[in-house]
Amino acid sequence: MTNAEYEDTKTDVIVSDTLSYLGPNIIAMAETCDIAIHAGDKRNREVLDLLHEATGQVIAVLGNNDSKYLWASHEVHAIEALPKVGEFESFRF
């Protein structure tokens, strides 16, 4: 690849099964990326917010632990809009 081609590339951080906790090492890694992909099992809105603050763009899907019964009632709206299957360019998750 030429330098010009590298300038057009994006770096992604892909996480899953964070279960309400996003460690400082993951946040630091996300801060070096352009896009965060969360492949399920967040268990709270804060995880998505932290990833968004770090990268500016988050793509997320539902996991089996992202049930409205496992989330705080005031955060349920955050998962109701998430798809079960995500797609980013040619990558499905």
C-alpha atoms as a PDB file:
ATOM      1  CA  MET A   1       0.000   0.000   0.000  1.00  0.00           C
ATOM      2  CA  THR A   2       1.087   3.530  -0.659  1.00  0.00           C
ATOM      3  CA  ASN A   3       0.950   6.264   1.972  1.00  0.00           C
ATOM      4  CA  ALA A   4      -2.103   7.723   0.221  1.00  0.00           C
ATOM      5  CA  GLU A   5      -3.908   4.389   0.507  1.00  0.00           C
ATOM      6  CA  TYR A   6      -3.118   4.200   4.231  1.00  0.00           C
ATOM      7  CA  GLU A   7      -4.661   7.632   4.738  1.00  0.00           C
ATOM      8  CA  ASP A   8      -8.015   6.266   3.541  1.00  0.00           C
ATOM      9  CA  THR A   9      -8.007   3.238   5.838  1.00  0.00           C
ATOM     10  CA  LYS A  10      -9.920   3.102   9.082  1.00  0.00           C
ATOM     11  CA  THR A  11      -9.079   1.207  12.209  1.00  0.00           C
ATOM     12  CA  ASP A  12     -11.758  -0.596  14.166  1.00  0.00           C
ATOM     13  CA  VAL A  13     -11.985  -1.973  17.654  1.00  0.00           C
ATOM     14  CA  ILE A  14     -14.314  -4.952  18.010  1.00  0.00           C
ATOM     15  CA  VAL A  15     -15.540  -5.980  21.450  1.00  0.00           C
ATOM     16  CA  SER A  16     -18.254  -8.183  22.881  1.00  0.00           C
ATOM     17  CA  ASP A  17     -19.381  -9.621  26.193  1.00  0.00           C
ATOM     18  CA  THR A  18     -18.356  -6.541  28.161  1.00  0.00           C
ATOM     19  CA  LEU A  19     -21.265  -7.153  30.571  1.00  0.00           C
ATOM     20  CA  SER A  20     -21.471  -3.624  32.011  1.00  0.00           C
ATOM     21  CA  TYR A  21     -17.715  -3.045  32.215  1.00  0.00           C
ATOM     22  CA  LEU A  22     -15.306  -1.557  29.728  1.00  0.00           C
ATOM     23  CA  GLY A  23     -11.783  -1.698  31.129  1.00  0.00           C
ATOM     24  CA  PRO A  24      -9.332   1.184  30.781  1.00  0.00           C
ATOM     25  CA  ASN A  25      -7.157  -0.862  28.427  1.00  0.00           C
ATOM     26  CA  ILE A  26     -10.084  -1.303  26.031  1.00  0.00           C
ATOM     27  CA  ILE A  27     -10.958   2.396  26.225  1.00  0.00           C
ATOM     28  CA  ALA A  28      -7.326   3.314  25.498  1.00  0.00           C
ATOM     29  CA  MET A  29      -7.303   0.992  22.491  1.00  0.00           C
ATOM     30  CA  ALA A  30     -10.606   2.395  21.252  1.00  0.00           C
ATOM     31  CA  GLU A  31      -9.211   5.927  21.424  1.00  0.00           C
ATOM     32  CA  THR A  32      -6.746   4.975  18.677  1.00  0.00           C
ATOM     33  CA  CYS A  33      -9.540   3.717  16.398  1.00  0.00           C
ATOM     34  CA  ASP A  34     -12.055   5.311  14.082  1.00  0.00           C
ATOM     35  CA  ILE A  35     -14.987   2.976  14.718  1.00  0.00           C
ATOM     36  CA  ALA A  36     -16.067   0.761  17.614  1.00  0.00           C
ATOM     37  CA  ILE A  37     -18.095  -2.375  16.946  1.00  0.00           C
ATOM     38  CA  HIS A  38     -19.829  -4.012  19.890  1.00  0.00           C
ATOM     39  CA  ALA A  39     -20.976  -7.524  18.998  1.00  0.00           C
ATOM     40  CA  GLY A  40     -23.373  -7.983  21.905  1.00  0.00           C
ATOM     41  CA  ASP A  41     -23.796  -8.377  25.647  1.00  0.00           C
ATOM     42  CA  LYS A  42     -23.289  -4.813  26.824  1.00  0.00           C
ATOM     43  CA  ARG A  43     -25.768  -4.893  29.711  1.00  0.00           C
ATOM     44  CA  ASN A  44     -25.796  -1.090  30.061  1.00  0.00           C
ATOM     45  CA  ARG A  45     -25.773   2.157  28.107  1.00  0.00           C
ATOM     46  CA  GLU A  46     -22.504   3.368  29.652  1.00  0.00           C
ATOM     47  CA  VAL A  47     -20.479   0.863  27.598  1.00  0.00           C
ATOM     48  CA  LEU A  48     -21.889   2.297  24.365  1.00  0.00           C
ATOM     49  CA  ASP A  49     -21.374   5.863  25.568  1.00  0.00           C
ATOM     50  CA  LEU A  50     -17.722   5.207  26.478  1.00  0.00           C
ATOM     51  CA  LEU A  51     -17.051   3.640  23.084  1.00  0.00           C
ATOM     52  CA  HIS A  52     -18.722   6.570  21.350  1.00  0.00           C
ATOM     53  CA  GLU A  53     -16.647   9.080  23.318  1.00  0.00           C
ATOM     54  CA  ALA A  54     -13.483   7.181  22.386  1.00  0.00           C
ATOM     55  CA  THR A  55     -14.131   6.718  18.656  1.00  0.00           C
ATOM     56  CA  GLY A  56     -16.988   8.959  17.577  1.00  0.00           C
ATOM     57  CA  GLN A  57     -18.822   6.089  15.873  1.00  0.00           C
ATOM     58  CA  VAL A  58     -20.297   2.915  17.361  1.00  0.00           C
ATOM     59  CA  ILE A  59     -22.007   0.045  15.609  1.00  0.00           C
ATOM     60  CA  ALA A  60     -23.726  -2.374  17.980  1.00  0.00           C
ATOM     61  CA  VAL A  61     -25.992  -5.384  17.890  1.00  0.00           C
ATOM     62  CA  LEU A  62     -27.981  -7.263  20.496  1.00  0.00           C
ATOM     63  CA  GLY A  63     -26.471 -10.161  22.388  1.00  0.00           C
ATOM     64  CA  ASN A  64     -28.260 -12.829  24.385  1.00  0.00           C
ATOM     65  CA  ASN A  65     -27.606 -10.804  27.574  1.00  0.00           C
ATOM     66  CA  ASP A  66     -29.072  -7.641  26.071  1.00  0.00           C
ATOM     67  CA  SER A  67     -32.603  -8.452  27.160  1.00  0.00           C
ATOM     68  CA  LYS A  68     -34.833  -5.709  28.522  1.00  0.00           C
ATOM     69  CA  TYR A  69     -35.141  -7.833  31.652  1.00  0.00           C
ATOM     70  CA  LEU A  70     -31.392  -7.602  32.301  1.00  0.00           C
ATOM     71  CA  TRP A  71     -31.049  -3.865  31.674  1.00  0.00           C
ATOM     72  CA  ALA A  72     -32.094  -1.036  33.979  1.00  0.00           C
ATOM     73  CA  SER A  73     -35.607   0.074  33.055  1.00  0.00           C
ATOM     74  CA  HIS A  74     -34.487   3.643  32.244  1.00  0.00           C
ATOM     75  CA  GLU A  75     -31.961   2.278  29.683  1.00  0.00           C
ATOM     76  CA  VAL A  76     -34.202  -0.217  27.872  1.00  0.00           C
ATOM     77  CA  HIS A  77     -34.840   2.272  25.053  1.00  0.00           C
ATOM     78  CA  ALA A  78     -31.132   2.037  24.149  1.00  0.00           C
ATOM     79  CA  ILE A  79     -31.378  -1.635  23.234  1.00  0.00           C
ATOM     80  CA  GLU A  80     -34.800  -1.628  21.626  1.00  0.00           C
ATOM     81  CA  ALA A  81     -33.385   0.037  18.521  1.00  0.00           C
ATOM     82  CA  LEU A  82     -30.395  -2.308  18.141  1.00  0.00           C
ATOM     83  CA  PRO A  83     -30.464  -4.966  15.426  1.00  0.00           C
ATOM     84  CA  LYS A  84     -29.840  -8.659  16.067  1.00  0.00           C
ATOM     85  CA  VAL A  85     -27.417  -8.813  13.135  1.00  0.00           C
ATOM     86  CA  GLY A  86     -25.072  -6.018  12.176  1.00  0.00           C
ATOM     87  CA  GLU A  87     -23.368  -5.242   8.923  1.00  0.00           C
ATOM     88  CA  PHE A  88     -20.389  -3.017   8.321  1.00  0.00           C
ATOM     89  CA  GLU A  89     -19.130  -2.831   4.760  1.00  0.00           C
ATOM     90  CA  SER A  90     -18.863  -6.542   3.828  1.00  0.00           C
ATOM     91  CA  PHE A  91     -18.554  -7.770   7.427  1.00  0.00           C
ATOM     92  CA  ARG A  92     -21.621  -9.299   9.137  1.00  0.00           C
ATOM     93  CA  PHE A  93     -21.760  -9.914  12.877  1.00  0.00           C
END
